[in-house]
Amino acid sequence: MDTPSDSLSEALRRWKVAPPVDAGFRNAVWQRIGARARESWPAYLRTHAAAWVLVTVVMLGAAAFTGRATAEARVRADREAMVVSYLVDLDPRVQAMLKP
């Protein structure tokens, strides 16, 4: 009995790839590499502007989120310190201990 995996194995064993030989392939590759090496910085930015804008927006968003979270934590800590200081100043037991 011929199973599908046996026929697939046999077909893959017989399969040969013979691509046509391109004599100018290596030369074309080196020309593309040379063209990229001569590319200027402004040309690079023009071709990759969308990616750099996206990276900039993401980084600015992350910095804004982190800065806001840090500022809120500091405001909460300062507010708590002020409330404690105010309540200590109003507490008559603390004031009695502070009087000479």
Protein backbone atom coordinates (compact mmCIF):
# COMPACT_ATOMS: atom_id res chain seq x y z
CA MET A 1 0.00 0.00 0.00
CA ASP A 2 1.36 3.41 -1.02
CA THR A 3 0.90 5.99 1.75
CA PRO A 4 0.87 9.72 1.02
CA SER A 5 4.06 10.27 3.05
CA ASP A 6 5.88 7.62 0.99
CA SER A 7 4.86 9.24 -2.28
CA LEU A 8 5.85 12.66 -0.95
CA SER A 9 9.25 11.39 0.15
CA GLU A 10 9.81 9.83 -3.25
CA ALA A 11 8.73 13.00 -5.06
CA LEU A 12 11.05 15.13 -2.94
CA ARG A 13 13.93 12.73 -3.55
CA ARG A 14 13.45 13.00 -7.34
CA TRP A 15 12.98 16.77 -7.35
CA LYS A 16 15.92 18.75 -8.72
CA VAL A 17 16.17 22.52 -9.01
CA ALA A 18 18.26 23.88 -11.86
CA PRO A 19 17.98 27.68 -11.91
CA PRO A 20 19.36 29.49 -14.94
CA VAL A 21 22.85 30.92 -14.44
CA ASP A 22 22.97 34.72 -14.42
CA ALA A 23 26.44 35.89 -15.38
CA GLY A 24 25.89 39.46 -14.14
CA PHE A 25 24.46 38.55 -10.73
CA ARG A 26 27.62 39.12 -8.68
CA ASN A 27 28.38 42.40 -10.47
CA ALA A 28 24.82 43.65 -9.88
CA VAL A 29 25.05 42.83 -6.18
CA TRP A 30 28.29 44.77 -5.78
CA GLN A 31 26.81 47.71 -7.69
CA ARG A 32 23.86 47.83 -5.27
CA ILE A 33 26.23 47.63 -2.29
CA GLY A 34 28.34 50.46 -3.74
CA ALA A 35 25.27 52.61 -4.38
CA ARG A 36 24.19 52.21 -0.74
CA ALA A 37 27.67 53.12 0.49
CA ARG A 38 27.55 56.40 -1.45
CA GLU A 39 24.11 57.31 -0.06
CA SER A 40 24.22 60.53 1.98
CA TRP A 41 22.73 61.06 5.43
CA PRO A 42 19.88 63.32 4.21
CA ALA A 43 19.00 60.79 1.51
CA TYR A 44 18.90 58.06 4.13
CA LEU A 45 16.57 60.15 6.31
CA ARG A 46 14.28 60.86 3.35
CA THR A 47 13.94 57.19 2.54
CA HIS A 48 13.43 56.18 6.18
CA ALA A 49 11.46 59.22 7.39
CA ALA A 50 8.31 57.32 8.35
CA ALA A 51 10.20 54.87 10.54
CA TRP A 52 12.15 57.64 12.28
CA VAL A 53 8.99 59.67 12.87
CA LEU A 54 7.35 56.62 14.42
CA VAL A 55 10.37 55.96 16.65
CA THR A 56 10.42 59.62 17.72
CA VAL A 57 6.71 59.67 18.56
CA VAL A 58 6.97 56.45 20.56
CA MET A 59 10.00 57.71 22.48
CA LEU A 60 8.36 61.06 23.24
CA GLY A 61 5.22 59.28 24.40
CA ALA A 62 7.21 56.98 26.68
CA ALA A 63 9.16 59.93 28.09
CA ALA A 64 5.97 61.91 28.71
CA PHE A 65 4.28 58.97 30.42
CA THR A 66 7.32 58.31 32.63
CA GLY A 67 7.73 61.99 33.48
CA ARG A 68 4.08 62.37 34.40
CA ALA A 69 4.10 59.25 36.59
CA THR A 70 7.24 60.44 38.38
CA ALA A 71 5.82 63.92 38.92
CA GLU A 72 2.55 62.54 40.30
CA ALA A 73 4.43 60.30 42.73
CA ARG A 74 6.51 63.24 43.91
CA VAL A 75 3.44 65.46 44.32
CA ARG A 76 1.73 62.76 46.41
CA ALA A 77 4.81 62.38 48.62
CA ASP A 78 5.15 66.16 49.09
CA ARG A 79 1.43 66.51 49.84
CA GLU A 80 1.62 63.74 52.43
CA ALA A 81 4.65 65.37 54.05
CA MET A 82 2.83 68.73 54.20
CA VAL A 83 -0.29 67.14 55.72
CA VAL A 84 1.77 65.35 58.37
CA SER A 85 3.68 68.53 59.15
CA TYR A 86 0.43 70.55 59.40
CA LEU A 87 -1.24 67.97 61.65
CA VAL A 88 1.81 67.78 63.91
CA ASP A 89 1.78 71.58 64.22
CA LEU A 90 -1.90 71.50 65.23
CA ASP A 91 -1.64 68.61 67.71
CA PRO A 92 -1.71 70.08 71.25
CA ARG A 93 0.17 67.10 72.68
CA VAL A 94 3.10 67.74 70.34
CA GLN A 95 2.98 71.48 71.08
CA ALA A 96 3.01 70.76 74.83
CA MET A 97 6.14 68.61 74.43
CA LEU A 98 7.86 71.33 72.42
CA LYS A 99 7.25 74.12 74.97
CA PRO A 100 10.16 74.73 77.37
